[in-house]
N, C-alpha and C. Protein backbone atom coordinates (compact mmCIF):
# COMPACT_ATOMS: atom_id res chain seq x y z
N ASN A 1 0.84 -1.19 0.00
CA ASN A 1 0.00 0.00 0.00
C ASN A 1 0.88 1.24 0.00
N PHE A 2 0.67 2.10 -0.96
CA PHE A 2 1.50 3.30 -1.15
C PHE A 2 1.37 4.26 0.03
N SER A 3 0.15 4.48 0.51
CA SER A 3 -0.06 5.48 1.56
C SER A 3 0.54 5.06 2.89
N SER A 4 0.70 3.77 3.14
CA SER A 4 1.27 3.34 4.41
C SER A 4 2.79 3.46 4.43
N LYS A 5 3.43 3.50 3.25
CA LYS A 5 4.89 3.58 3.19
C LYS A 5 5.41 5.00 3.37
N PHE A 6 4.63 5.99 2.96
CA PHE A 6 5.09 7.36 3.00
C PHE A 6 4.17 8.23 3.85
N LYS A 7 4.79 9.18 4.51
CA LYS A 7 4.03 10.10 5.34
C LYS A 7 3.62 11.31 4.49
N LYS A 8 2.39 11.73 4.63
CA LYS A 8 1.86 12.86 3.87
C LYS A 8 2.49 14.17 4.37
N ILE A 9 2.89 15.01 3.43
CA ILE A 9 3.45 16.32 3.78
C ILE A 9 2.31 17.34 3.69
N GLU A 10 2.16 18.12 4.72
CA GLU A 10 1.12 19.14 4.74
C GLU A 10 1.48 20.26 3.75
N ILE A 11 0.49 20.85 3.15
CA ILE A 11 0.70 21.88 2.12
C ILE A 11 1.47 23.09 2.65
N PRO A 12 1.16 23.63 3.82
CA PRO A 12 1.95 24.79 4.31
C PRO A 12 3.44 24.46 4.48
N ILE A 13 3.73 23.26 4.93
CA ILE A 13 5.14 22.85 5.09
C ILE A 13 5.80 22.74 3.73
N PHE A 14 5.09 22.17 2.77
CA PHE A 14 5.62 22.02 1.43
C PHE A 14 5.87 23.40 0.79
N ARG A 15 4.96 24.33 1.01
CA ARG A 15 5.15 25.69 0.47
C ARG A 15 6.40 26.34 1.07
N CYS A 16 6.58 26.18 2.38
CA CYS A 16 7.78 26.74 3.04
C CYS A 16 9.05 26.12 2.46
N PHE A 17 8.99 24.82 2.21
CA PHE A 17 10.13 24.12 1.62
C PHE A 17 10.48 24.72 0.26
N LEU A 18 9.46 24.93 -0.57
CA LEU A 18 9.70 25.49 -1.90
C LEU A 18 10.21 26.93 -1.84
N ILE A 19 9.68 27.71 -0.90
CA ILE A 19 10.13 29.10 -0.74
C ILE A 19 11.61 29.13 -0.35
N GLU A 20 11.99 28.27 0.57
CA GLU A 20 13.39 28.21 0.98
C GLU A 20 14.28 27.72 -0.16
N ALA A 21 13.79 26.74 -0.92
CA ALA A 21 14.57 26.21 -2.04
C ALA A 21 14.79 27.27 -3.11
N GLN A 22 13.82 28.17 -3.29
CA GLN A 22 13.95 29.21 -4.30
C GLN A 22 15.04 30.23 -3.95
N LYS A 23 15.43 30.27 -2.71
CA LYS A 23 16.45 31.23 -2.28
C LYS A 23 17.86 30.77 -2.64
N ILE A 24 18.00 29.51 -3.04
CA ILE A 24 19.31 28.95 -3.36
C ILE A 24 19.54 29.04 -4.86
N PHE A 25 20.74 29.47 -5.24
CA PHE A 25 21.11 29.60 -6.64
C PHE A 25 22.36 28.77 -6.91
N PRO A 26 22.16 27.47 -7.18
CA PRO A 26 23.32 26.60 -7.39
C PRO A 26 24.09 26.97 -8.66
N SER A 27 25.39 26.81 -8.62
CA SER A 27 26.20 27.05 -9.81
C SER A 27 26.75 25.72 -10.32
N ILE A 28 27.27 25.76 -11.53
CA ILE A 28 27.81 24.54 -12.13
C ILE A 28 29.32 24.67 -12.18
N PRO A 29 30.03 23.83 -11.42
CA PRO A 29 31.51 23.86 -11.46
C PRO A 29 32.01 23.46 -12.86
N SER A 30 33.23 23.90 -13.21
CA SER A 30 33.74 23.67 -14.56
C SER A 30 33.86 22.18 -14.89
N ASN A 31 34.29 21.35 -13.92
CA ASN A 31 34.42 19.92 -14.21
C ASN A 31 33.04 19.29 -14.46
N ILE A 32 32.04 19.77 -13.76
CA ILE A 32 30.68 19.27 -13.96
C ILE A 32 30.13 19.79 -15.29
N PHE A 33 30.51 21.01 -15.64
CA PHE A 33 30.06 21.57 -16.92
C PHE A 33 30.64 20.76 -18.08
N ASP A 34 31.92 20.36 -17.96
CA ASP A 34 32.53 19.50 -18.98
C ASP A 34 31.78 18.17 -19.08
N PHE A 35 31.42 17.63 -17.93
CA PHE A 35 30.65 16.38 -17.87
C PHE A 35 29.29 16.57 -18.55
N LEU A 36 28.67 17.69 -18.32
CA LEU A 36 27.38 18.02 -18.92
C LEU A 36 27.50 18.09 -20.45
N ILE A 37 28.53 18.78 -20.93
CA ILE A 37 28.73 18.92 -22.38
C ILE A 37 29.00 17.56 -23.01
N TYR A 38 29.85 16.75 -22.37
CA TYR A 38 30.15 15.42 -22.88
C TYR A 38 28.87 14.58 -22.98
N ASN A 39 28.06 14.57 -21.93
CA ASN A 39 26.82 13.79 -21.94
C ASN A 39 25.83 14.31 -22.97
N TYR A 40 25.77 15.61 -23.13
CA TYR A 40 24.89 16.19 -24.13
C TYR A 40 25.31 15.74 -25.53
N ILE A 41 26.59 15.78 -25.81
CA ILE A 41 27.09 15.37 -27.13
C ILE A 41 26.82 13.88 -27.36
N MET A 42 27.06 13.07 -26.34
CA MET A 42 26.80 11.63 -26.46
C MET A 42 25.31 11.37 -26.67
N TRP A 43 24.49 12.05 -25.91
CA TRP A 43 23.04 11.86 -26.01
C TRP A 43 22.55 12.30 -27.39
N ARG A 44 23.11 13.41 -27.86
CA ARG A 44 22.70 13.94 -29.17
C ARG A 44 23.10 12.99 -30.28
N SER A 45 24.32 12.46 -30.27
CA SER A 45 24.75 11.53 -31.32
C SER A 45 23.95 10.24 -31.24
N HIS A 46 23.65 9.77 -30.03
CA HIS A 46 22.84 8.56 -29.86
C HIS A 46 21.43 8.80 -30.38
N ASP A 47 20.89 9.95 -30.10
CA ASP A 47 19.53 10.27 -30.53
C ASP A 47 19.44 10.36 -32.04
N LYS A 48 20.46 10.92 -32.68
CA LYS A 48 20.45 11.01 -34.14
C LYS A 48 20.44 9.62 -34.76
N GLU A 49 21.24 8.71 -34.20
CA GLU A 49 21.30 7.35 -34.73
C GLU A 49 19.99 6.62 -34.50
N GLN A 50 19.44 6.76 -33.30
CA GLN A 50 18.24 6.01 -32.94
C GLN A 50 16.98 6.56 -33.59
N TYR A 51 16.75 7.83 -33.44
CA TYR A 51 15.47 8.41 -33.81
C TYR A 51 15.54 9.35 -35.00
N ARG A 52 16.73 9.64 -35.47
CA ARG A 52 16.92 10.62 -36.55
C ARG A 52 16.23 11.93 -36.22
N ASN A 53 16.31 12.29 -34.98
CA ASN A 53 15.67 13.51 -34.49
C ASN A 53 16.77 14.40 -33.94
N GLN A 54 16.93 15.57 -34.50
CA GLN A 54 18.01 16.45 -34.07
C GLN A 54 17.65 17.13 -32.76
N ILE A 55 18.56 17.06 -31.82
CA ILE A 55 18.37 17.72 -30.54
C ILE A 55 19.01 19.10 -30.65
N CYS A 56 18.27 20.11 -30.29
CA CYS A 56 18.76 21.47 -30.45
C CYS A 56 19.34 21.99 -29.13
N ILE A 57 19.80 23.21 -29.17
CA ILE A 57 20.42 23.84 -28.01
C ILE A 57 19.40 24.02 -26.89
N LYS A 58 18.10 24.10 -27.25
CA LYS A 58 17.07 24.22 -26.22
C LYS A 58 17.10 23.03 -25.27
N THR A 59 17.41 21.85 -25.82
CA THR A 59 17.50 20.65 -24.99
C THR A 59 18.64 20.80 -23.98
N PHE A 60 19.75 21.35 -24.43
CA PHE A 60 20.89 21.58 -23.55
C PHE A 60 20.51 22.53 -22.41
N ILE A 61 19.78 23.57 -22.76
CA ILE A 61 19.34 24.53 -21.75
C ILE A 61 18.36 23.88 -20.77
N ILE A 62 17.48 23.01 -21.31
CA ILE A 62 16.54 22.30 -20.44
C ILE A 62 17.29 21.43 -19.45
N ILE A 63 18.33 20.75 -19.92
CA ILE A 63 19.13 19.89 -19.03
C ILE A 63 19.77 20.74 -17.93
N ILE A 64 20.31 21.88 -18.31
CA ILE A 64 20.93 22.78 -17.32
C ILE A 64 19.89 23.22 -16.29
N ARG A 65 18.73 23.67 -16.76
CA ARG A 65 17.70 24.17 -15.84
C ARG A 65 17.18 23.07 -14.92
N LEU A 66 16.98 21.87 -15.48
CA LEU A 66 16.54 20.76 -14.64
C LEU A 66 17.59 20.40 -13.59
N SER A 67 18.86 20.39 -14.01
CA SER A 67 19.96 20.07 -13.08
C SER A 67 20.03 21.09 -11.95
N VAL A 68 19.92 22.35 -12.30
CA VAL A 68 19.95 23.41 -11.29
C VAL A 68 18.75 23.29 -10.35
N SER A 69 17.58 22.98 -10.91
CA SER A 69 16.38 22.81 -10.08
C SER A 69 16.51 21.64 -9.13
N LEU A 70 17.08 20.56 -9.61
CA LEU A 70 17.28 19.39 -8.74
C LEU A 70 18.24 19.72 -7.59
N ALA A 71 19.32 20.42 -7.92
CA ALA A 71 20.27 20.83 -6.87
C ALA A 71 19.59 21.77 -5.88
N ARG A 72 18.76 22.66 -6.39
CA ARG A 72 18.05 23.61 -5.54
C ARG A 72 17.12 22.87 -4.56
N LEU A 73 16.41 21.86 -5.07
CA LEU A 73 15.51 21.09 -4.21
C LEU A 73 16.25 20.31 -3.13
N LYS A 74 17.54 20.04 -3.39
CA LYS A 74 18.35 19.34 -2.37
C LYS A 74 19.16 20.33 -1.53
N PHE A 75 18.91 21.63 -1.72
CA PHE A 75 19.59 22.71 -1.00
C PHE A 75 21.10 22.64 -1.17
N GLN A 76 21.55 22.34 -2.40
CA GLN A 76 22.98 22.28 -2.70
C GLN A 76 23.43 23.58 -3.34
N LYS A 77 24.67 23.96 -3.08
CA LYS A 77 25.20 25.17 -3.67
C LYS A 77 25.78 24.91 -5.06
N PHE A 78 26.06 23.64 -5.36
CA PHE A 78 26.63 23.28 -6.65
C PHE A 78 25.84 22.13 -7.28
N VAL A 79 25.76 22.15 -8.61
CA VAL A 79 25.12 21.06 -9.34
C VAL A 79 26.08 19.87 -9.35
N SER A 80 25.55 18.68 -9.12
CA SER A 80 26.38 17.48 -9.11
C SER A 80 26.18 16.67 -10.39
N LYS A 81 27.05 15.68 -10.59
CA LYS A 81 26.91 14.79 -11.74
C LYS A 81 25.58 14.05 -11.68
N ASN A 82 25.17 13.68 -10.48
CA ASN A 82 23.91 12.96 -10.32
C ASN A 82 22.72 13.83 -10.75
N ASP A 83 22.81 15.13 -10.52
CA ASP A 83 21.74 16.04 -10.95
C ASP A 83 21.65 16.05 -12.48
N ILE A 84 22.79 16.07 -13.14
CA ILE A 84 22.81 16.07 -14.60
C ILE A 84 22.29 14.75 -15.16
N ILE A 85 22.73 13.65 -14.57
CA ILE A 85 22.27 12.34 -15.01
C ILE A 85 20.76 12.21 -14.82
N GLU A 86 20.27 12.69 -13.69
CA GLU A 86 18.83 12.64 -13.43
C GLU A 86 18.07 13.54 -14.40
N ALA A 87 18.60 14.70 -14.73
CA ALA A 87 17.94 15.60 -15.69
C ALA A 87 17.85 14.95 -17.06
N ILE A 88 18.93 14.30 -17.50
CA ILE A 88 18.92 13.61 -18.79
C ILE A 88 17.93 12.46 -18.75
N ARG A 89 17.90 11.73 -17.64
CA ARG A 89 16.95 10.61 -17.50
C ARG A 89 15.51 11.11 -17.58
N LEU A 90 15.23 12.22 -16.91
CA LEU A 90 13.88 12.78 -16.95
C LEU A 90 13.49 13.20 -18.36
N LEU A 91 14.44 13.79 -19.08
CA LEU A 91 14.15 14.18 -20.46
C LEU A 91 13.91 12.98 -21.36
N GLU A 92 14.72 11.93 -21.18
CA GLU A 92 14.54 10.72 -21.99
C GLU A 92 13.17 10.09 -21.72
N ILE A 93 12.79 10.01 -20.46
CA ILE A 93 11.50 9.44 -20.11
C ILE A 93 10.38 10.31 -20.68
N SER A 94 10.57 11.61 -20.60
CA SER A 94 9.56 12.52 -21.14
C SER A 94 9.38 12.31 -22.64
N LYS A 95 10.49 12.16 -23.38
CA LYS A 95 10.42 11.93 -24.82
C LYS A 95 9.74 10.61 -25.13
N LYS A 96 10.09 9.58 -24.38
CA LYS A 96 9.49 8.26 -24.62
C LYS A 96 8.00 8.28 -24.33
N SER A 97 7.61 8.93 -23.24
CA SER A 97 6.19 8.96 -22.90
C SER A 97 5.41 9.78 -23.92
N ARG A 98 6.02 10.83 -24.44
CA ARG A 98 5.37 11.64 -25.45
C ARG A 98 5.13 10.84 -26.72
N ASN A 99 6.09 9.99 -27.08
CA ASN A 99 5.95 9.18 -28.28
C ASN A 99 4.91 8.07 -28.11
N LYS A 100 4.65 7.65 -26.88
CA LYS A 100 3.70 6.57 -26.62
C LYS A 100 2.28 7.06 -26.47
N LEU A 101 2.10 8.36 -26.31
CA LEU A 101 0.75 8.88 -26.10
C LEU A 101 -0.10 8.69 -27.34
N PRO A 102 -1.35 8.29 -27.15
CA PRO A 102 -2.24 8.18 -28.30
C PRO A 102 -2.60 9.57 -28.83
N ASP A 103 -2.94 9.63 -30.09
CA ASP A 103 -3.30 10.91 -30.71
C ASP A 103 -4.78 11.17 -30.47
N PHE A 104 -5.05 12.15 -29.61
CA PHE A 104 -6.44 12.49 -29.29
C PHE A 104 -6.95 13.62 -30.17
N SER A 105 -6.12 14.14 -31.06
CA SER A 105 -6.52 15.32 -31.83
C SER A 105 -7.77 15.06 -32.66
N SER A 106 -7.95 13.81 -33.13
CA SER A 106 -9.13 13.53 -33.94
C SER A 106 -10.39 13.45 -33.07
N LYS A 107 -10.22 13.22 -31.75
CA LYS A 107 -11.36 13.11 -30.85
C LYS A 107 -11.78 14.45 -30.26
N ILE A 108 -10.91 15.45 -30.37
CA ILE A 108 -11.24 16.77 -29.86
C ILE A 108 -12.15 17.45 -30.88
N PRO A 109 -13.32 17.86 -30.45
CA PRO A 109 -14.23 18.46 -31.43
C PRO A 109 -13.64 19.77 -31.96
N LYS A 110 -13.59 19.85 -33.25
CA LYS A 110 -13.09 21.06 -33.88
C LYS A 110 -14.17 22.14 -33.79
N GLU A 111 -13.73 23.39 -33.73
CA GLU A 111 -14.68 24.49 -33.65
C GLU A 111 -15.49 24.51 -34.95
N LYS A 112 -16.79 24.59 -34.78
CA LYS A 112 -17.66 24.60 -35.96
C LYS A 112 -17.37 25.83 -36.80
N ILE A 113 -17.49 25.65 -38.11
CA ILE A 113 -17.26 26.76 -39.03
C ILE A 113 -18.24 27.89 -38.76
N GLU A 114 -19.48 27.50 -38.43
CA GLU A 114 -20.49 28.52 -38.13
C GLU A 114 -20.03 29.39 -36.96
N ASN A 115 -19.41 28.77 -35.96
CA ASN A 115 -18.94 29.53 -34.79
C ASN A 115 -17.81 30.49 -35.16
N LYS A 116 -16.94 30.04 -36.04
CA LYS A 116 -15.84 30.91 -36.48
C LYS A 116 -16.38 32.13 -37.22
N ILE A 117 -17.32 31.86 -38.13
CA ILE A 117 -17.90 32.96 -38.89
C ILE A 117 -18.68 33.89 -37.97
N TYR A 118 -19.43 33.31 -37.03
CA TYR A 118 -20.17 34.13 -36.06
C TYR A 118 -19.22 35.03 -35.28
N SER A 119 -18.09 34.48 -34.85
CA SER A 119 -17.12 35.29 -34.09
C SER A 119 -16.64 36.48 -34.91
N ILE A 120 -16.39 36.26 -36.19
CA ILE A 120 -15.95 37.35 -37.06
C ILE A 120 -17.03 38.42 -37.15
N ILE A 121 -18.27 37.97 -37.37
CA ILE A 121 -19.39 38.92 -37.52
C ILE A 121 -19.63 39.67 -36.20
N ARG A 122 -19.62 38.96 -35.09
CA ARG A 122 -19.84 39.59 -33.79
C ARG A 122 -18.76 40.63 -33.49
N ASN A 123 -17.49 40.27 -33.76
CA ASN A 123 -16.39 41.21 -33.53
C ASN A 123 -16.51 42.44 -34.43
N LEU A 124 -16.97 42.24 -35.65
CA LEU A 124 -17.20 43.39 -36.54
C LEU A 124 -18.26 44.30 -35.97
N SER A 125 -19.34 43.71 -35.47
CA SER A 125 -20.42 44.49 -34.89
C SER A 125 -19.93 45.29 -33.68
N ILE A 126 -19.12 44.66 -32.86
CA ILE A 126 -18.57 45.34 -31.67
C ILE A 126 -17.64 46.46 -32.09
N ASN A 127 -16.73 46.15 -33.03
CA ASN A 127 -15.75 47.16 -33.47
C ASN A 127 -16.41 48.34 -34.18
N CYS A 128 -17.46 48.04 -34.97
CA CYS A 128 -18.16 49.11 -35.69
C CYS A 128 -19.21 49.79 -34.82
N LYS A 129 -19.44 49.25 -33.62
CA LYS A 129 -20.41 49.80 -32.67
C LYS A 129 -21.80 49.94 -33.29
N THR A 130 -22.22 48.86 -33.96
CA THR A 130 -23.54 48.85 -34.57
C THR A 130 -24.13 47.45 -34.46
N LEU A 131 -25.46 47.40 -34.42
CA LEU A 131 -26.16 46.11 -34.38
C LEU A 131 -26.64 45.71 -35.77
N GLU A 132 -26.39 46.56 -36.78
CA GLU A 132 -26.82 46.27 -38.15
C GLU A 132 -25.61 46.29 -39.07
N LEU A 133 -25.47 45.20 -39.84
CA LEU A 133 -24.35 45.09 -40.77
C LEU A 133 -24.87 44.74 -42.16
N GLU A 134 -24.26 45.32 -43.19
CA GLU A 134 -24.64 45.05 -44.58
C GLU A 134 -24.27 43.61 -44.94
N MET A 135 -25.26 42.85 -45.46
CA MET A 135 -25.03 41.45 -45.80
C MET A 135 -24.05 41.29 -46.96
N SER A 136 -24.13 42.13 -47.96
CA SER A 136 -23.24 41.99 -49.12
C SER A 136 -21.79 42.24 -48.70
N TRP A 137 -21.59 43.23 -47.86
CA TRP A 137 -20.25 43.54 -47.34
C TRP A 137 -19.73 42.39 -46.50
N LEU A 138 -20.62 41.84 -45.61
CA LEU A 138 -20.23 40.70 -44.77
C LEU A 138 -19.84 39.49 -45.62
N GLU A 139 -20.64 39.23 -46.64
CA GLU A 139 -20.37 38.06 -47.50
C GLU A 139 -18.99 38.18 -48.15
N LYS A 140 -18.68 39.34 -48.70
CA LYS A 140 -17.37 39.56 -49.33
C LYS A 140 -16.24 39.37 -48.32
N LEU A 141 -16.44 39.91 -47.12
CA LEU A 141 -15.43 39.82 -46.08
C LEU A 141 -15.20 38.37 -45.64
N ILE A 142 -16.28 37.63 -45.43
CA ILE A 142 -16.18 36.25 -44.98
C ILE A 142 -15.51 35.39 -46.05
N ILE A 143 -15.86 35.60 -47.30
CA ILE A 143 -15.23 34.84 -48.39
C ILE A 143 -13.75 35.19 -48.49
N LYS A 144 -13.43 36.47 -48.27
CA LYS A 144 -12.02 36.92 -48.27
C LYS A 144 -11.22 36.21 -47.18
N LYS A 145 -11.88 35.88 -46.07
CA LYS A 145 -11.21 35.21 -44.95
C LYS A 145 -11.03 33.71 -45.18
N GLY A 146 -11.51 33.21 -46.33
CA GLY A 146 -11.26 31.81 -46.68
C GLY A 146 -12.46 30.89 -46.54
N PHE A 147 -13.61 31.42 -46.19
CA PHE A 147 -14.81 30.61 -46.08
C PHE A 147 -15.56 30.63 -47.41
N THR A 148 -16.42 29.64 -47.61
CA THR A 148 -17.21 29.60 -48.84
C THR A 148 -18.54 30.34 -48.63
N ARG A 149 -19.21 30.62 -49.74
CA ARG A 149 -20.53 31.28 -49.66
C ARG A 149 -21.53 30.37 -48.95
N GLU A 150 -21.43 29.08 -49.21
CA GLU A 150 -22.33 28.11 -48.58
C GLU A 150 -22.15 28.10 -47.06
N GLU A 151 -20.90 28.16 -46.59
CA GLU A 151 -20.63 28.19 -45.14
C GLU A 151 -21.20 29.47 -44.53
N PHE A 152 -21.08 30.58 -45.25
CA PHE A 152 -21.62 31.85 -44.78
C PHE A 152 -23.14 31.78 -44.65
N VAL A 153 -23.79 31.24 -45.68
CA VAL A 153 -25.26 31.13 -45.67
C VAL A 153 -25.72 30.19 -44.56
N ASN A 154 -25.00 29.06 -44.37
CA ASN A 154 -25.34 28.13 -43.29
C ASN A 154 -25.24 28.81 -41.93
N CYS A 155 -24.19 29.62 -41.75
CA CYS A 155 -24.01 30.36 -40.49
C CYS A 155 -25.16 31.32 -40.27
N LEU A 156 -25.54 32.05 -41.31
CA LEU A 156 -26.64 33.00 -41.19
C LEU A 156 -27.91 32.29 -40.72
N GLY A 157 -28.22 31.16 -41.35
CA GLY A 157 -29.42 30.41 -41.00
C GLY A 157 -29.35 29.82 -39.61
N TYR A 158 -28.19 29.29 -39.24
CA TYR A 158 -28.00 28.66 -37.95
C TYR A 158 -28.25 29.65 -36.81
N TYR A 159 -27.63 30.83 -36.90
CA TYR A 159 -27.77 31.80 -35.82
C TYR A 159 -29.10 32.55 -35.87
N GLU A 160 -29.73 32.57 -37.04
CA GLU A 160 -31.07 33.14 -37.12
C GLU A 160 -32.05 32.22 -36.38
N GLU A 161 -31.88 30.89 -36.53
CA GLU A 161 -32.72 29.93 -35.80
C GLU A 161 -32.53 30.04 -34.29
N LEU A 162 -31.35 30.41 -33.86
CA LEU A 162 -31.06 30.57 -32.43
C LEU A 162 -31.52 31.93 -31.90
N ASN A 163 -32.09 32.76 -32.77
CA ASN A 163 -32.56 34.10 -32.42
C ASN A 163 -31.44 35.01 -31.92
N ILE A 164 -30.27 34.86 -32.54
CA ILE A 164 -29.15 35.75 -32.24
C ILE A 164 -29.26 37.00 -33.11
N TRP A 165 -29.68 36.80 -34.34
CA TRP A 165 -29.90 37.90 -35.26
C TRP A 165 -31.07 37.58 -36.18
N LYS A 166 -31.51 38.61 -36.87
CA LYS A 166 -32.52 38.40 -37.91
C LYS A 166 -31.98 38.99 -39.21
N LEU A 167 -32.44 38.43 -40.30
CA LEU A 167 -31.98 38.86 -41.61
C LEU A 167 -33.10 39.63 -42.28
N SER A 168 -32.81 40.85 -42.68
CA SER A 168 -33.79 41.68 -43.37
C SER A 168 -33.54 41.59 -44.87
N VAL A 169 -34.44 40.92 -45.55
CA VAL A 169 -34.30 40.74 -47.00
C VAL A 169 -34.47 42.08 -47.71
N PHE A 170 -35.37 42.91 -47.22
CA PHE A 170 -35.67 44.19 -47.89
C PHE A 170 -34.49 45.16 -47.80
N SER A 171 -33.88 45.26 -46.61
CA SER A 171 -32.77 46.21 -46.47
C SER A 171 -31.42 45.56 -46.73
N GLY A 172 -31.39 44.24 -46.80
CA GLY A 172 -30.11 43.52 -47.03
C GLY A 172 -29.17 43.63 -45.86
N LYS A 173 -29.76 43.62 -44.64
CA LYS A 173 -28.95 43.78 -43.43
C LYS A 173 -29.10 42.59 -42.48
N LEU A 174 -28.06 42.37 -41.74
CA LEU A 174 -28.08 41.44 -40.61
C LEU A 174 -28.26 42.30 -39.38
N ILE A 175 -29.26 41.98 -38.57
CA ILE A 175 -29.57 42.81 -37.40
C ILE A 175 -29.50 41.93 -36.15
N PHE A 176 -28.61 42.29 -35.23
CA PHE A 176 -28.51 41.55 -33.97
C PHE A 176 -29.73 41.83 -33.12
N ILE A 177 -30.23 40.77 -32.47
CA ILE A 177 -31.39 40.90 -31.58
C ILE A 177 -30.86 41.18 -30.18
N ARG A 178 -31.41 42.18 -29.52
CA ARG A 178 -30.94 42.55 -28.18
C ARG A 178 -31.41 41.61 -27.13
C-alpha cells in the first residue's frame, strides 16, 4: 500500500520548503560543466542514430535548468553529476512517454465553421459599434477570410434559428437581436 509507506506532507510545510529552495542559486563547477557537455554530445549523437531527431540547443538549456532545479531542491550550492544524469533521465523518459501517447486530436471536437464565422461577424459588430451590418459587405469579407458562400449562408441560417440575429431581406442587413 502506497499510503502506508510514505508520510503525507502538509501543504503549508511544502510551500515553506519550496520558498526556501527558491532562495538557493546553485552554480555549475567547470568539471561538472565539462561532464554536462560530454553527456549532451553523447546523447545527441545517440539520438540522431536512434530516432533521426536532431536535438537542439534548447535541450541543452533544459538539461541545465533541470539540473539546477534538482540541486536547488536538495539545498545544494553546486550542481552534481547525479543532478545532470537525473535531468537527462527525466528528459529521456519525457520523450518516450510523449511518443507513446495516443493521438487524441481527432477526438477533440473542432470548432464549428459557423462559430468561427459568427465570431468574425460579432467582432465586426462590436468594433463598428452597430447592431446592423450590410449582408453583401459581410459576405465579401467572410469569403475573403477563406470561407465559402455556402458556409456563410449556413451560419446566417443557424444563428437566425437561435434568435441571435434576424436577416432583413428588404434592407439587405443582418440585425442583432438585443
